[in-house]
Amino acid sequence: MRLELAALRERPVQLNMLLAILVNAATFCAFTYLAAIATGPARITEGAVPLLLVVFGGGAFFGVTVAGRFGDRYWHRLINWSTPLLLAGWVLMSLTVTSTAAFWLFTFLQGIFSFTLGSTLVARIVATAQAAPTMGGSFATAALNIGAIIGPITGGAAIAAFGVRGPLAVSAVLVLIALVCWLVAVPLSRSTAATNPLQ
């Protein structure tokens, strides 16, 4: 176990875990409070909230399917595209939160982008933790769980400070941090091919 835990010192594993934490925190930050946002500024009735969750689940299923089909071979492209799209989605969802139609649309789209990116990052954690063939999967689970803790806490603080729109804005900030980390890692990997954090 000590030898496998040593894989956590590897920069590729750390990078992918950090990205997974941030992306999952953003997902839980907004969608933990989806009902409050929907029945507030989005003007969706309480009776329609279960259907809204189904719409999100449909997007999530589609995102997982995309990651499962293309994540191994095209993971770099998926991260390159889905991260800025996820960021743009949170920003636009926050700005158009009073539009009921837009809220339905972005609930579906953010389900797609969140789980395309999140699932791809899970696969990258396992792939880069080659020195931990037994525990690599637990690293991914730990990253997701840390994000699932951070998300609702920051979302709740955002509601207290800024109202029910707050979690959407905080989700955007979390993904922005993830995007910056990713963009910083890419040029570093090109200059240090022997220790490529993207392998």
Protein backbone atom coordinates (compact mmCIF):
# COMPACT_ATOMS: atom_id res chain seq x y z
CA MET A 1 0.00 0.00 0.00
CA ARG A 2 2.87 2.38 0.80
CA LEU A 3 4.29 1.89 -2.69
CA GLU A 4 0.94 2.55 -4.32
CA LEU A 5 0.23 5.62 -2.20
CA ALA A 6 3.55 6.99 -3.43
CA ALA A 7 1.84 7.47 -6.80
CA LEU A 8 0.05 10.44 -5.25
CA ARG A 9 3.36 12.30 -5.40
CA GLU A 10 3.39 12.07 -9.18
CA ARG A 11 2.51 15.34 -10.89
CA PRO A 12 0.20 13.79 -13.53
CA VAL A 13 -1.90 12.15 -10.82
CA GLN A 14 -2.01 15.35 -8.78
CA LEU A 15 -3.07 17.41 -11.80
CA ASN A 16 -5.86 15.07 -12.83
CA MET A 17 -7.12 14.73 -9.27
CA LEU A 18 -7.13 18.51 -8.82
CA LEU A 19 -9.11 18.98 -12.03
CA ALA A 20 -11.58 16.27 -11.01
CA ILE A 21 -12.07 17.87 -7.59
CA LEU A 22 -12.75 21.29 -9.10
CA VAL A 23 -15.10 20.04 -11.82
CA ASN A 24 -17.10 17.84 -9.46
CA ALA A 25 -17.23 20.64 -6.88
CA ALA A 26 -18.70 22.90 -9.57
CA THR A 27 -21.28 20.27 -10.48
CA PHE A 28 -22.42 19.73 -6.90
CA CYS A 29 -22.22 23.44 -6.09
CA ALA A 30 -24.97 24.22 -8.60
CA PHE A 31 -27.04 21.06 -8.76
CA THR A 32 -27.30 20.52 -5.02
CA TYR A 33 -29.42 23.68 -5.04
CA LEU A 34 -31.06 23.12 -8.43
CA ALA A 35 -34.59 23.01 -7.00
CA ALA A 36 -34.12 26.28 -5.09
CA ILE A 37 -32.77 28.03 -8.19
CA ALA A 38 -35.42 26.54 -10.46
CA THR A 39 -38.38 27.48 -8.29
CA GLY A 40 -36.88 30.91 -7.61
CA PRO A 41 -35.58 33.12 -10.42
CA ALA A 42 -36.14 30.47 -13.13
CA ARG A 43 -39.87 30.38 -12.25
CA ILE A 44 -40.25 26.61 -12.63
CA THR A 45 -43.02 25.01 -10.60
CA GLU A 46 -42.20 22.58 -7.81
CA GLY A 47 -44.10 19.87 -9.63
CA ALA A 48 -41.75 20.19 -12.62
CA VAL A 49 -38.55 19.83 -10.56
CA PRO A 50 -38.46 15.99 -10.82
CA LEU A 51 -38.68 16.32 -14.60
CA LEU A 52 -35.87 18.87 -14.48
CA LEU A 53 -33.74 16.34 -12.63
CA VAL A 54 -34.55 13.78 -15.32
CA VAL A 55 -33.35 16.26 -17.94
CA PHE A 56 -30.10 16.73 -16.04
CA GLY A 57 -29.76 12.97 -15.67
CA GLY A 58 -30.28 12.54 -19.41
CA GLY A 59 -27.49 15.01 -20.09
CA ALA A 60 -25.25 13.25 -17.57
CA PHE A 61 -25.93 9.89 -19.23
CA PHE A 62 -25.02 11.34 -22.61
CA GLY A 63 -21.83 12.85 -21.18
CA VAL A 64 -20.72 9.59 -19.59
CA THR A 65 -21.42 7.80 -22.87
CA VAL A 66 -19.26 10.26 -24.82
CA ALA A 67 -16.42 9.94 -22.31
CA GLY A 68 -16.68 6.16 -22.30
CA ARG A 69 -16.59 5.95 -26.09
CA PHE A 70 -13.89 8.54 -26.80
CA GLY A 71 -12.15 9.23 -23.48
CA ASP A 72 -9.26 6.80 -23.89
CA ARG A 73 -8.20 7.84 -27.38
CA TYR A 74 -9.26 11.48 -27.52
CA TRP A 75 -9.03 12.51 -23.86
CA HIS A 76 -6.87 15.54 -24.65
CA ARG A 77 -9.43 16.91 -27.09
CA LEU A 78 -12.30 16.18 -24.73
CA ILE A 79 -10.63 18.15 -21.94
CA ASN A 80 -9.68 20.95 -24.33
CA TRP A 81 -13.25 21.34 -25.55
CA SER A 82 -15.45 20.39 -22.62
CA THR A 83 -13.69 22.56 -20.03
CA PRO A 84 -14.28 25.93 -21.74
CA LEU A 85 -17.77 24.80 -22.79
CA LEU A 86 -18.57 23.90 -19.20
CA LEU A 87 -17.28 27.28 -18.04
CA ALA A 88 -19.31 29.13 -20.67
CA GLY A 89 -22.38 27.13 -19.71
CA TRP A 90 -22.17 28.10 -16.04
CA VAL A 91 -21.66 31.75 -16.93
CA LEU A 92 -24.56 31.81 -19.38
CA MET A 93 -26.80 29.84 -17.03
CA SER A 94 -26.12 32.41 -14.33
CA LEU A 95 -26.81 35.33 -16.66
CA THR A 96 -30.02 33.85 -18.11
CA VAL A 97 -31.36 32.31 -14.89
CA THR A 98 -34.62 34.26 -15.16
CA SER A 99 -35.41 32.62 -18.52
CA THR A 100 -37.32 29.40 -17.90
CA ALA A 101 -36.57 27.99 -21.36
CA ALA A 102 -32.86 28.74 -21.05
CA PHE A 103 -32.76 27.11 -17.61
CA TRP A 104 -34.16 23.87 -19.02
CA LEU A 105 -31.65 23.95 -21.88
CA PHE A 106 -28.63 24.65 -19.71
CA THR A 107 -29.66 22.02 -17.18
CA PHE A 108 -29.36 19.47 -19.99
CA LEU A 109 -26.17 20.92 -21.49
CA GLN A 110 -24.39 21.24 -18.17
CA GLY A 111 -25.24 17.64 -17.42
CA ILE A 112 -23.50 16.71 -20.68
CA PHE A 113 -20.41 18.86 -20.20
CA SER A 114 -20.00 18.10 -16.48
CA PHE A 115 -20.06 14.35 -16.95
CA THR A 116 -18.09 14.30 -20.21
CA LEU A 117 -15.28 16.15 -18.48
CA GLY A 118 -15.66 14.50 -15.08
CA SER A 119 -15.71 10.98 -16.49
CA THR A 120 -12.72 11.69 -18.72
CA LEU A 121 -10.77 12.95 -15.71
CA VAL A 122 -11.65 9.83 -13.74
CA ALA A 123 -10.18 7.75 -16.55
CA ARG A 124 -7.08 9.96 -16.61
CA ILE A 125 -6.51 9.53 -12.88
CA VAL A 126 -6.54 5.76 -13.26
CA ALA A 127 -4.37 5.90 -16.40
CA THR A 128 -1.72 8.14 -14.85
CA ALA A 129 -1.62 6.23 -11.55
CA GLN A 130 0.11 3.30 -13.18
CA ALA A 131 2.19 2.71 -10.07
CA ALA A 132 -1.04 2.08 -8.16
CA PRO A 133 -2.88 -0.64 -10.09
CA THR A 134 -4.92 -1.60 -7.02
CA MET A 135 -5.64 1.81 -5.57
CA GLY A 136 -5.81 3.97 -8.70
CA GLY A 137 -9.57 3.71 -8.83
CA SER A 138 -9.83 4.80 -5.21
CA PHE A 139 -7.81 7.93 -6.04
CA ALA A 140 -10.47 8.87 -8.57
CA THR A 141 -13.27 8.14 -6.11
CA ALA A 142 -11.54 10.22 -3.43
CA ALA A 143 -11.20 13.16 -5.82
CA LEU A 144 -14.88 13.01 -6.72
CA ASN A 145 -15.90 12.76 -3.06
CA ILE A 146 -13.75 15.73 -2.09
CA GLY A 147 -15.43 17.71 -4.85
CA ALA A 148 -18.83 16.51 -3.65
CA ILE A 149 -18.02 17.92 -0.20
CA ILE A 150 -16.61 21.24 -1.40
CA GLY A 151 -19.44 21.88 -3.86
CA PRO A 152 -22.45 21.99 -1.52
CA ILE A 153 -20.49 23.92 1.12
CA THR A 154 -19.42 26.64 -1.31
CA GLY A 155 -22.87 26.63 -2.89
CA GLY A 156 -24.54 27.11 0.47
CA ALA A 157 -22.17 29.96 1.32
CA ALA A 158 -22.90 31.53 -2.06
CA ILE A 159 -26.66 31.38 -1.45
CA ALA A 160 -26.21 32.99 1.95
CA ALA A 161 -24.07 35.76 0.46
CA PHE A 162 -25.58 36.35 -2.98
CA GLY A 163 -28.94 34.58 -3.13
CA VAL A 164 -29.97 31.57 -5.18
CA ARG A 165 -28.00 32.70 -8.24
CA GLY A 166 -24.79 32.45 -6.24
CA PRO A 167 -24.03 28.74 -6.77
CA LEU A 168 -24.07 29.14 -10.55
CA ALA A 169 -21.48 31.90 -10.36
CA VAL A 170 -19.32 29.92 -7.93
CA SER A 171 -19.51 26.88 -10.25
CA ALA A 172 -18.18 29.09 -13.03
CA VAL A 173 -15.29 30.24 -10.83
CA LEU A 174 -14.39 26.65 -9.91
CA VAL A 175 -14.28 25.58 -13.56
CA LEU A 176 -12.29 28.71 -14.43
CA ILE A 177 -9.67 27.65 -11.89
CA ALA A 178 -9.63 24.18 -13.44
CA LEU A 179 -9.21 25.66 -16.91
CA VAL A 180 -6.29 27.83 -15.78
CA CYS A 181 -4.60 24.82 -14.17
CA TRP A 182 -5.05 22.84 -17.38
CA LEU A 183 -3.71 25.61 -19.62
CA VAL A 184 -0.68 26.04 -17.37
CA ALA A 185 0.00 22.30 -17.45
CA VAL A 186 -0.05 22.01 -21.25
CA PRO A 187 2.98 24.23 -22.01
CA LEU A 188 4.84 22.73 -19.05
CA SER A 189 4.30 19.26 -20.50
CA ARG A 190 5.74 20.34 -23.83
CA SER A 191 8.91 21.64 -22.21
CA THR A 192 9.39 18.61 -19.97
CA ALA A 193 8.49 15.63 -22.11
CA ALA A 194 10.25 13.22 -19.78
CA THR A 195 7.80 14.07 -17.02
CA ASN A 196 4.78 14.87 -19.13
CA PRO A 197 1.84 15.55 -16.76
CA LEU A 198 -0.59 14.74 -19.54
CA GLN A 199 0.59 11.20 -20.23
